PDB file of N, CA and C in Angstrom:
ATOM      1  N   SER A   1     113.063 115.354  84.683  1.00  0.00           N
ATOM      2  CA  SER A   1     113.497 115.592  86.046  1.00  0.00           C
ATOM      3  C   SER A   1     114.841 114.901  86.253  1.00  0.00           C
ATOM      4  N   THR A   2     115.642 115.468  87.119  1.00  0.00           N
ATOM      5  CA  THR A   2     116.934 114.863  87.451  1.00  0.00           C
ATOM      6  C   THR A   2     117.017 114.624  88.951  1.00  0.00           C
ATOM      7  N   VAL A   3     117.856 113.659  89.317  1.00  0.00           N
ATOM      8  CA  VAL A   3     118.097 113.342  90.721  1.00  0.00           C
ATOM      9  C   VAL A   3     119.528 112.823  90.826  1.00  0.00           C
ATOM     10  N   LEU A   4     120.227 113.199  91.896  1.00  0.00           N
ATOM     11  CA  LEU A   4     121.586 112.704  92.092  1.00  0.00           C
ATOM     12  C   LEU A   4     121.573 111.189  92.249  1.00  0.00           C
ATOM     13  N   GLU A   5     122.537 110.522  91.637  1.00  0.00           N
ATOM     14  CA  GLU A   5     122.583 109.063  91.733  1.00  0.00           C
ATOM     15  C   GLU A   5     122.809 108.596  93.168  1.00  0.00           C
ATOM     16  N   ALA A   6     123.372 109.428  94.012  1.00  0.00           N
ATOM     17  CA  ALA A   6     123.638 109.058  95.406  1.00  0.00           C
ATOM     18  C   ALA A   6     122.489 109.450  96.344  1.00  0.00           C
ATOM     19  N   ALA A   7     121.376 109.896  95.779  1.00  0.00           N
ATOM     20  CA  ALA A   7     120.236 110.282  96.617  1.00  0.00           C
ATOM     21  C   ALA A   7     119.763 109.084  97.434  1.00  0.00           C
ATOM     22  N   LEU A   8     119.480 109.329  98.686  1.00  0.00           N
ATOM     23  CA  LEU A   8     119.019 108.261  99.571  1.00  0.00           C
ATOM     24  C   LEU A   8     117.592 107.830  99.218  1.00  0.00           C
ATOM     25  N   PRO A   9     117.214 106.604  99.586  1.00  0.00           N
ATOM     26  CA  PRO A   9     115.823 106.194  99.394  1.00  0.00           C
ATOM     27  C   PRO A   9     114.876 107.191 100.076  1.00  0.00           C
ATOM     28  N   ASN A  10     113.699 107.351  99.511  1.00  0.00           N
ATOM     29  CA  ASN A  10     112.657 108.283  99.943  1.00  0.00           C
ATOM     30  C   ASN A  10     112.954 109.727  99.566  1.00  0.00           C
ATOM     31  N   THR A  11     113.894 109.941  98.634  1.00  0.00           N
ATOM     32  CA  THR A  11     114.126 111.282  98.099  1.00  0.00           C
ATOM     33  C   THR A  11     113.016 111.607  97.107  1.00  0.00           C
ATOM     34  N   THR A  12     112.388 112.757  97.273  1.00  0.00           N
ATOM     35  CA  THR A  12     111.301 113.161  96.383  1.00  0.00           C
ATOM     36  C   THR A  12     111.863 113.548  95.021  1.00  0.00           C
ATOM     37  N   VAL A  13     111.297 112.966  93.982  1.00  0.00           N
ATOM     38  CA  VAL A  13     111.712 113.221  92.611  1.00  0.00           C
ATOM     39  C   VAL A  13     110.681 114.097  91.890  1.00  0.00           C
ATOM     40  N   ALA A  14     109.407 113.888  92.183  1.00  0.00           N
ATOM     41  CA  ALA A  14     108.336 114.645  91.538  1.00  0.00           C
ATOM     42  C   ALA A  14     107.130 114.715  92.469  1.00  0.00           C
ATOM     43  N   LEU A  15     106.377 115.787  92.337  1.00  0.00           N
ATOM     44  CA  LEU A  15     105.115 115.956  93.066  1.00  0.00           C
ATOM     45  C   LEU A  15     103.991 116.057  92.045  1.00  0.00           C
ATOM     46  N   PHE A  16     102.849 115.473  92.351  1.00  0.00           N
ATOM     47  CA  PHE A  16     101.722 115.588  91.438  1.00  0.00           C
ATOM     48  C   PHE A  16     100.410 115.478  92.196  1.00  0.00           C
ATOM     49  N   ASN A  17      99.364 115.995  91.577  1.00  0.00           N
ATOM     50  CA  ASN A  17      98.002 115.950  92.111  1.00  0.00           C
ATOM     51  C   ASN A  17      97.113 115.231  91.122  1.00  0.00           C
ATOM     52  N   MET A  18      96.069 114.624  91.625  1.00  0.00           N
ATOM     53  CA  MET A  18      95.017 114.108  90.764  1.00  0.00           C
ATOM     54  C   MET A  18      93.699 114.272  91.498  1.00  0.00           C
ATOM     55  N   HIS A  19      92.660 114.453  90.721  1.00  0.00           N
ATOM     56  CA  HIS A  19      91.358 114.727  91.320  1.00  0.00           C
ATOM     57  C   HIS A  19      90.274 114.092  90.465  1.00  0.00           C
ATOM     58  N   ASP A  20      89.333 113.458  91.119  1.00  0.00           N
ATOM     59  CA  ASP A  20      88.166 112.891  90.452  1.00  0.00           C
ATOM     60  C   ASP A  20      86.950 113.550  91.071  1.00  0.00           C
ATOM     61  N   GLN A  21      86.104 114.158  90.254  1.00  0.00           N
ATOM     62  CA  GLN A  21      84.963 114.912  90.755  1.00  0.00           C
ATOM     63  C   GLN A  21      83.775 114.034  91.148  1.00  0.00           C
ATOM     64  N   ASP A  22      83.860 112.734  90.914  1.00  0.00           N
ATOM     65  CA  ASP A  22      82.776 111.838  91.310  1.00  0.00           C
ATOM     66  C   ASP A  22      82.735 111.697  92.829  1.00  0.00           C
ATOM     67  N   SER A  23      81.669 111.083  93.324  1.00  0.00           N
ATOM     68  CA  SER A  23      81.546 110.834  94.760  1.00  0.00           C
ATOM     69  C   SER A  23      81.563 109.325  95.016  1.00  0.00           C
ATOM     70  N   GLY A  24      81.691 108.951  96.267  1.00  0.00           N
ATOM     71  CA  GLY A  24      81.706 107.538  96.640  1.00  0.00           C
ATOM     72  C   GLY A  24      82.909 106.825  96.059  1.00  0.00           C
ATOM     73  N   ASP A  25      82.737 105.519  95.760  1.00  0.00           N
ATOM     74  CA  ASP A  25      83.840 104.730  95.197  1.00  0.00           C
ATOM     75  C   ASP A  25      84.349 105.310  93.882  1.00  0.00           C
ATOM     76  N   ASN A  26      83.457 105.884  93.087  1.00  0.00           N
ATOM     77  CA  ASN A  26      83.872 106.448  91.798  1.00  0.00           C
ATOM     78  C   ASN A  26      84.830 107.628  91.974  1.00  0.00           C
ATOM     79  N   GLY A  27      84.821 108.266  93.136  1.00  0.00           N
ATOM     80  CA  GLY A  27      85.689 109.406  93.380  1.00  0.00           C
ATOM     81  C   GLY A  27      86.977 109.054  94.102  1.00  0.00           C
ATOM     82  N   MET A  28      87.093 107.820  94.588  1.00  0.00           N
ATOM     83  CA  MET A  28      88.319 107.392  95.267  1.00  0.00           C
ATOM     84  C   MET A  28      89.366 107.038  94.206  1.00  0.00           C
ATOM     85  N   THR A  29      90.568 107.567  94.362  1.00  0.00           N
ATOM     86  CA  THR A  29      91.607 107.356  93.362  1.00  0.00           C
ATOM     87  C   THR A  29      92.806 106.612  93.950  1.00  0.00           C
ATOM     88  N   ARG A  30      93.568 106.041  93.034  1.00  0.00           N
ATOM     89  CA  ARG A  30      94.777 105.324  93.424  1.00  0.00           C
ATOM     90  C   ARG A  30      95.813 105.471  92.311  1.00  0.00           C
ATOM     91  N   CYS A  31      97.080 105.553  92.686  1.00  0.00           N
ATOM     92  CA  CYS A  31      98.186 105.662  91.727  1.00  0.00           C
ATOM     93  C   CYS A  31      99.055 104.418  91.823  1.00  0.00           C
ATOM     94  N   GLU A  32      99.584 104.004  90.684  1.00  0.00           N
ATOM     95  CA  GLU A  32     100.494 102.870  90.634  1.00  0.00           C
ATOM     96  C   GLU A  32     101.569 103.146  89.600  1.00  0.00           C
ATOM     97  N   LEU A  33     102.688 102.448  89.729  1.00  0.00           N
ATOM     98  CA  LEU A  33     103.754 102.525  88.737  1.00  0.00           C
ATOM     99  C   LEU A  33     103.685 101.298  87.849  1.00  0.00           C
ATOM    100  N   LEU A  34     103.975 101.487  86.597  1.00  0.00           N
ATOM    101  CA  LEU A  34     103.976 100.392  85.647  1.00  0.00           C
ATOM    102  C   LEU A  34     105.345  99.727  85.649  1.00  0.00           C
ATOM    103  N   GLY A  35     105.388  98.429  85.896  1.00  0.00           N
ATOM    104  CA  GLY A  35     106.645  97.692  85.865  1.00  0.00           C
ATOM    105  C   GLY A  35     107.498  97.897  87.102  1.00  0.00           C
ATOM    106  N   LYS A  36     108.627  97.206  87.128  1.00  0.00           N
ATOM    107  CA  LYS A  36     109.569  97.298  88.249  1.00  0.00           C
ATOM    108  C   LYS A  36     110.426  98.538  88.060  1.00  0.00           C
ATOM    109  N   GLN A  37     110.425  99.405  89.051  1.00  0.00           N
ATOM    110  CA  GLN A  37     111.173 100.656  89.011  1.00  0.00           C
ATOM    111  C   GLN A  37     111.825 100.877  90.378  1.00  0.00           C
ATOM    112  N   PRO A  38     112.913 101.631  90.439  1.00  0.00           N
ATOM    113  CA  PRO A  38     113.512 101.967  91.740  1.00  0.00           C
ATOM    114  C   PRO A  38     112.839 103.196  92.359  1.00  0.00           C
ATOM    115  N   PHE A  39     111.543 103.318  92.135  1.00  0.00           N
ATOM    116  CA  PHE A  39     110.748 104.430  92.638  1.00  0.00           C
ATOM    117  C   PHE A  39     109.464 103.894  93.240  1.00  0.00           C
ATOM    118  N   SER A  40     108.826 104.693  94.063  1.00  0.00           N
ATOM    119  CA  SER A  40     107.516 104.346  94.598  1.00  0.00           C
ATOM    120  C   SER A  40     106.706 105.628  94.727  1.00  0.00           C
ATOM    121  N   ILE A  41     105.413 105.460  94.948  1.00  0.00           N
ATOM    122  CA  ILE A  41     104.509 106.594  95.107  1.00  0.00           C
ATOM    123  C   ILE A  41     104.101 106.673  96.562  1.00  0.00           C
ATOM    124  N   ARG A  42     104.218 107.872  97.112  1.00  0.00           N
ATOM    125  CA  ARG A  42     103.842 108.094  98.512  1.00  0.00           C
ATOM    126  C   ARG A  42     102.699 109.113  98.546  1.00  0.00           C
ATOM    127  N   PRO A  43     101.567 108.736  99.153  1.00  0.00           N
ATOM    128  CA  PRO A  43     100.479 109.711  99.286  1.00  0.00           C
ATOM    129  C   PRO A  43     100.869 110.794 100.288  1.00  0.00           C
ATOM    130  N   LEU A  44     100.527 112.045  99.962  1.00  0.00           N
ATOM    131  CA  LEU A  44     100.844 113.173 100.841  1.00  0.00           C
ATOM    132  C   LEU A  44      99.596 113.744 101.494  1.00  0.00           C
ATOM    133  N   ALA A  45      98.529 113.839 100.730  1.00  0.00           N
ATOM    134  CA  ALA A  45      97.253 114.390 101.198  1.00  0.00           C
ATOM    135  C   ALA A  45      96.170 113.742 100.354  1.00  0.00           C
ATOM    136  N   ALA A  46      94.955 114.255 100.469  1.00  0.00           N
ATOM    137  CA  ALA A  46      93.819 113.647  99.769  1.00  0.00           C
ATOM    138  C   ALA A  46      94.083 113.440  98.278  1.00  0.00           C
ATOM    139  N   ASP A  47      94.581 114.435  97.589  1.00  0.00           N
ATOM    140  CA  ASP A  47      94.802 114.339  96.145  1.00  0.00           C
ATOM    141  C   ASP A  47      96.254 114.571  95.742  1.00  0.00           C
ATOM    142  N   ALA A  48      97.169 114.577  96.688  1.00  0.00           N
ATOM    143  CA  ALA A  48      98.574 114.889  96.408  1.00  0.00           C
ATOM    144  C   ALA A  48      99.456 113.663  96.648  1.00  0.00           C
ATOM    145  N   TYR A  49     100.432 113.509  95.763  1.00  0.00           N
ATOM    146  CA  TYR A  49     101.329 112.354  95.826  1.00  0.00           C
ATOM    147  C   TYR A  49     102.747 112.801  95.532  1.00  0.00           C
ATOM    148  N   ALA A  50     103.713 112.000  95.985  1.00  0.00           N
ATOM    149  CA  ALA A  50     105.117 112.227  95.676  1.00  0.00           C
ATOM    150  C   ALA A  50     105.677 110.961  95.037  1.00  0.00           C
ATOM    151  N   LEU A  51     106.463 111.141  94.000  1.00  0.00           N
ATOM    152  CA  LEU A  51     107.243 110.051  93.439  1.00  0.00           C
ATOM    153  C   LEU A  51     108.593 110.113  94.127  1.00  0.00           C
ATOM    154  N   VAL A  52     108.976 109.028  94.807  1.00  0.00           N
ATOM    155  CA  VAL A  52     110.210 109.008  95.592  1.00  0.00           C
ATOM    156  C   VAL A  52     111.086 107.843  95.158  1.00  0.00           C
ATOM    157  N   THR A  53     112.382 107.966  95.431  1.00  0.00           N
ATOM    158  CA  THR A  53     113.289 106.856  95.160  1.00  0.00           C
ATOM    159  C   THR A  53     113.033 105.758  96.191  1.00  0.00           C
ATOM    160  N   SER A  54     113.124 104.518  95.763  1.00  0.00           N
ATOM    161  CA  SER A  54     112.966 103.408  96.707  1.00  0.00           C
ATOM    162  C   SER A  54     114.294 102.690  96.939  1.00  0.00           C
ATOM    163  N   GLU A  55     115.311 103.107  96.185  1.00  0.00           N
ATOM    164  CA  GLU A  55     116.659 102.569  96.368  1.00  0.00           C
ATOM    165  C   GLU A  55     117.654 103.581  95.808  1.00  0.00           C
ATOM    166  N   VAL A  56     118.927 103.390  96.106  1.00  0.00           N
ATOM    167  CA  VAL A  56     119.966 104.271  95.571  1.00  0.00           C
ATOM    168  C   VAL A  56     120.123 103.972  94.079  1.00  0.00           C
ATOM    169  N   LEU A  57     120.198 105.022  93.270  1.00  0.00           N
ATOM    170  CA  LEU A  57     120.340 104.867  91.824  1.00  0.00           C
ATOM    171  C   LEU A  57     121.819 104.791  91.457  1.00  0.00           C
ATOM    172  N   ASP A  58     122.120 104.187  90.327  1.00  0.00           N
ATOM    173  CA  ASP A  58     123.503 104.077  89.864  1.00  0.00           C
ATOM    174  C   ASP A  58     123.554 104.471  88.395  1.00  0.00           C
ATOM    175  N   TRP A  59     124.102 105.654  88.111  1.00  0.00           N
ATOM    176  CA  TRP A  59     124.171 106.180  86.756  1.00  0.00           C
ATOM    177  C   TRP A  59     124.957 105.247  85.839  1.00  0.00           C
ATOM    178  N   GLU A  60     125.973 104.561  86.363  1.00  0.00           N
ATOM    179  CA  GLU A  60     126.771 103.652  85.539  1.00  0.00           C
ATOM    180  C   GLU A  60     125.954 102.448  85.069  1.00  0.00           C
ATOM    181  N   GLU A  61     124.872 102.125  85.757  1.00  0.00           N
ATOM    182  CA  GLU A  61     124.012 101.015  85.356  1.00  0.00           C
ATOM    183  C   GLU A  61     122.852 101.478  84.480  1.00  0.00           C
ATOM    184  N   VAL A  62     122.194 102.573  84.858  1.00  0.00           N
ATOM    185  CA  VAL A  62     121.030 103.079  84.122  1.00  0.00           C
ATOM    186  C   VAL A  62     121.151 104.600  84.042  1.00  0.00           C
ATOM    187  N   VAL A  63     121.163 105.149  82.823  1.00  0.00           N
ATOM    188  CA  VAL A  63     121.350 106.591  82.660  1.00  0.00           C
ATOM    189  C   VAL A  63     120.025 107.357  82.575  1.00  0.00           C
ATOM    190  N   GLU A  64     118.907 106.652  82.363  1.00  0.00           N
ATOM    191  CA  GLU A  64     117.603 107.301  82.412  1.00  0.00           C
ATOM    192  C   GLU A  64     116.510 106.269  82.646  1.00  0.00           C
ATOM    193  N   TYR A  65     115.441 106.722  83.265  1.00  0.00           N
ATOM    194  CA  TYR A  65     114.299 105.874  83.566  1.00  0.00           C
ATOM    195  C   TYR A  65     113.055 106.466  82.912  1.00  0.00           C
ATOM    196  N   ASN A  66     112.303 105.632  82.231  1.00  0.00           N
ATOM    197  CA  ASN A  66     110.996 106.019  81.719  1.00  0.00           C
ATOM    198  C   ASN A  66     109.968 105.445  82.688  1.00  0.00           C
ATOM    199  N   VAL A  67     109.366 106.308  83.460  1.00  0.00           N
ATOM    200  CA  VAL A  67     108.438 105.896  84.513  1.00  0.00           C
ATOM    201  C   VAL A  67     107.022 106.257  84.071  1.00  0.00           C
ATOM    202  N   THR A  68     106.119 105.289  84.136  1.00  0.00           N
ATOM    203  CA  THR A  68     104.719 105.540  83.823  1.00  0.00           C
ATOM    204  C   THR A  68     103.910 105.462  85.097  1.00  0.00           C
ATOM    205  N   VAL A  69     103.207 106.540  85.411  1.00  0.00           N
ATOM    206  CA  VAL A  69     102.321 106.600  86.572  1.00  0.00           C
ATOM    207  C   VAL A  69     100.903 106.374  86.073  1.00  0.00           C
ATOM    208  N   TRP A  70     100.237 105.369  86.625  1.00  0.00           N
ATOM    209  CA  TRP A  70      98.845 105.073  86.291  1.00  0.00           C
ATOM    210  C   TRP A  70      97.952 105.567  87.411  1.00  0.00           C
ATOM    211  N   ALA A  71      96.897 106.245  87.058  1.00  0.00           N
ATOM    212  CA  ALA A  71      95.903 106.698  88.032  1.00  0.00           C
ATOM    213  C   ALA A  71      94.566 106.106  87.629  1.00  0.00           C
ATOM    214  N   HIS A  72      93.817 105.637  88.623  1.00  0.00           N
ATOM    215  CA  HIS A  72      92.470 105.118  88.324  1.00  0.00           C
ATOM    216  C   HIS A  72      91.583 105.332  89.526  1.00  0.00           C
ATOM    217  N   ASP A  73      90.287 105.344  89.243  1.00  0.00           N
ATOM    218  CA  ASP A  73      89.333 105.468  90.343  1.00  0.00           C
ATOM    219  C   ASP A  73      88.866 104.076  90.749  1.00  0.00           C
ATOM    220  N   GLU A  74      88.100 104.002  91.822  1.00  0.00           N
ATOM    221  CA  GLU A  74      87.666 102.718  92.372  1.00  0.00           C
ATOM    222  C   GLU A  74      86.263 102.339  91.918  1.00  0.00           C
ATOM    223  N   GLY A  75      85.709 103.074  90.978  1.00  0.00           N
ATOM    224  CA  GLY A  75      84.346 102.798  90.520  1.00  0.00           C
ATOM    225  C   GLY A  75      84.271 101.606  89.593  1.00  0.00           C
ATOM    226  N   PHE A  76      83.054 101.152  89.366  1.00  0.00           N
ATOM    227  CA  PHE A  76      82.810 100.076  88.406  1.00  0.00           C
ATOM    228  C   PHE A  76      83.084 100.644  87.016  1.00  0.00           C
ATOM    229  N   SER A  77      83.780  99.905  86.189  1.00  0.00           N
ATOM    230  CA  SER A  77      84.325 100.426  84.931  1.00  0.00           C
ATOM    231  C   SER A  77      85.255 101.598  85.250  1.00  0.00           C
ATOM    232  N   ALA A  78      86.307 101.280  85.950  1.00  0.00           N
ATOM    233  CA  ALA A  78      87.253 102.299  86.427  1.00  0.00           C
ATOM    234  C   ALA A  78      87.785 103.153  85.282  1.00  0.00           C
ATOM    235  N   LEU A  79      87.898 104.440  85.557  1.00  0.00           N
ATOM    236  CA  LEU A  79      88.512 105.356  84.612  1.00  0.00           C
ATOM    237  C   LEU A  79      90.012 105.365  84.846  1.00  0.00           C
ATOM    238  N   LEU A  80      90.780 105.351  83.762  1.00  0.00           N
ATOM    239  CA  LEU A  80      92.233 105.280  83.847  1.00  0.00           C
ATOM    240  C   LEU A  80      92.865 106.485  83.168  1.00  0.00           C
ATOM    241  N   ALA A  81      93.996 106.900  83.694  1.00  0.00           N
ATOM    242  CA  ALA A  81      94.816 107.928  83.063  1.00  0.00           C
ATOM    243  C   ALA A  81      96.268 107.584  83.364  1.00  0.00           C
ATOM    244  N   SER A  82      97.167 108.007  82.495  1.00  0.00           N
ATOM    245  CA  SER A  82      98.582 107.744  82.736  1.00  0.00           C
ATOM    246  C   SER A  82      99.400 108.952  82.334  1.00  0.00           C
ATOM    247  N   LYS A  83     100.587 109.022  82.919  1.00  0.00           N
ATOM    248  CA  LYS A  83     101.538 110.082  82.606  1.00  0.00           C
ATOM    249  C   LYS A  83     102.925 109.459  82.597  1.00  0.00           C
ATOM    250  N   LYS A  84     103.688 109.735  81.551  1.00  0.00           N
ATOM    251  CA  LYS A  84     105.054 109.226  81.452  1.00  0.00           C
ATOM    252  C   LYS A  84     106.017 110.309  81.912  1.00  0.00           C
ATOM    253  N   LEU A  85     107.000 109.890  82.693  1.00  0.00           N
ATOM    254  CA  LEU A  85     108.031 110.791  83.200  1.00  0.00           C
ATOM    255  C   LEU A  85     109.398 110.260  82.790  1.00  0.00           C
ATOM    256  N   LEU A  86     110.255 111.140  82.336  1.00  0.00           N
ATOM    257  CA  LEU A  86     111.636 110.777  82.028  1.00  0.00           C
ATOM    258  C   LEU A  86     112.489 111.283  83.181  1.00  0.00           C
ATOM    259  N   LEU A  87     113.132 110.362  83.886  1.00  0.00           N
ATOM    260  CA  LEU A  87     113.965 110.711  85.041  1.00  0.00           C
ATOM    261  C   LEU A  87     115.402 110.333  84.738  1.00  0.00           C
ATOM    262  N   GLN A  88     116.302 111.280  84.959  1.00  0.00           N
ATOM    263  CA  GLN A  88     117.704 111.061  84.649  1.00  0.00           C
ATOM    264  C   GLN A  88     118.563 111.248  85.905  1.00  0.00           C
ATOM    265  N   PRO A  89     119.209 110.158  86.358  1.00  0.00           N
ATOM    266  CA  PRO A  89     120.144 110.310  87.476  1.00  0.00           C
ATOM    267  C   PRO A  89     121.353 111.135  87.017  1.00  0.00           C
ATOM    268  N   LEU A  90     121.836 111.992  87.897  1.00  0.00           N
ATOM    269  CA  LEU A  90     123.039 112.766  87.614  1.00  0.00           C
ATOM    270  C   LEU A  90     124.253 112.011  88.122  1.00  0.00           C
ATOM    271  N   ASP A  91     125.233 111.854  87.256  1.00  0.00           N
ATOM    272  CA  ASP A  91     126.442 111.122  87.602  1.00  0.00           C
ATOM    273  C   ASP A  91     127.254 111.903  88.633  1.00  0.00           C
ATOM    274  N   MET A  92     127.772 111.183  89.600  1.00  0.00           N
ATOM    275  CA  MET A  92     128.683 111.759  90.586  1.00  0.00           C
ATOM    276  C   MET A  92     130.014 111.053  90.451  1.00  0.00           C
ATOM    277  N   ASN A  93     131.089 111.746  90.740  1.00  0.00           N
ATOM    278  CA  ASN A  93     132.410 111.130  90.673  1.00  0.00           C
ATOM    279  C   ASN A  93     132.508 110.092  91.784  1.00  0.00           C
ATOM    280  N   ASP A  94     132.572 108.820  91.399  1.00  0.00           N
ATOM    281  CA  ASP A  94     132.620 107.717  92.369  1.00  0.00           C
ATOM    282  C   ASP A  94     134.034 107.414  92.832  1.00  0.00           C
ATOM    283  N   ASN A  95     135.029 108.055  92.250  1.00  0.00           N
ATOM    284  CA  ASN A  95     136.432 107.759  92.599  1.00  0.00           C
ATOM    285  C   ASN A  95     136.936 108.736  93.629  1.00  0.00           C
TER     286      ASN A  95
END
């Protein structure tokens, strides 16, 4: 995925869904990002989420981000899944 380096915070970079067929706590899910990233996860609906920018990106500092999204349920012995995303800011002429 690509995003302009001048994109304002809260710009949507990716949309994703996750679903757990269990009920109760075992069916409640949560997403997190691994490590410090200039992105955050915003819940949209019951099973829908958006990965958004949390700050302005700078292509001259970082030309690509490897973002890992972790999903897990709230049950005892939580089930985990992850997905890696490669995000590349697009350089803009800063002069």
